């Protein structure tokens, strides 16, 4: 994962873009590697769950929808 993060940071820098290390978080699922992920030498915070389009994902790969569709 660190290698991919480095590639994104390097390619972004070539385009004049930077990764906001204060806003960037790491979310690992089913990961056996506990090495912290860094960008430009700064360790990114790791989160234990992530919400995407109303679906909550957790570190074990489980998900649950917390949104309700009033049109159903």
Foldseek 3Di string as FASTA:
>chain_A
DLVVVAVVQVVCVVVVHHDDQVPDEDEAAPDPDPDFHDDPPHGHHYDQWDADPQWIAGNPGDIDGPDDDPVD
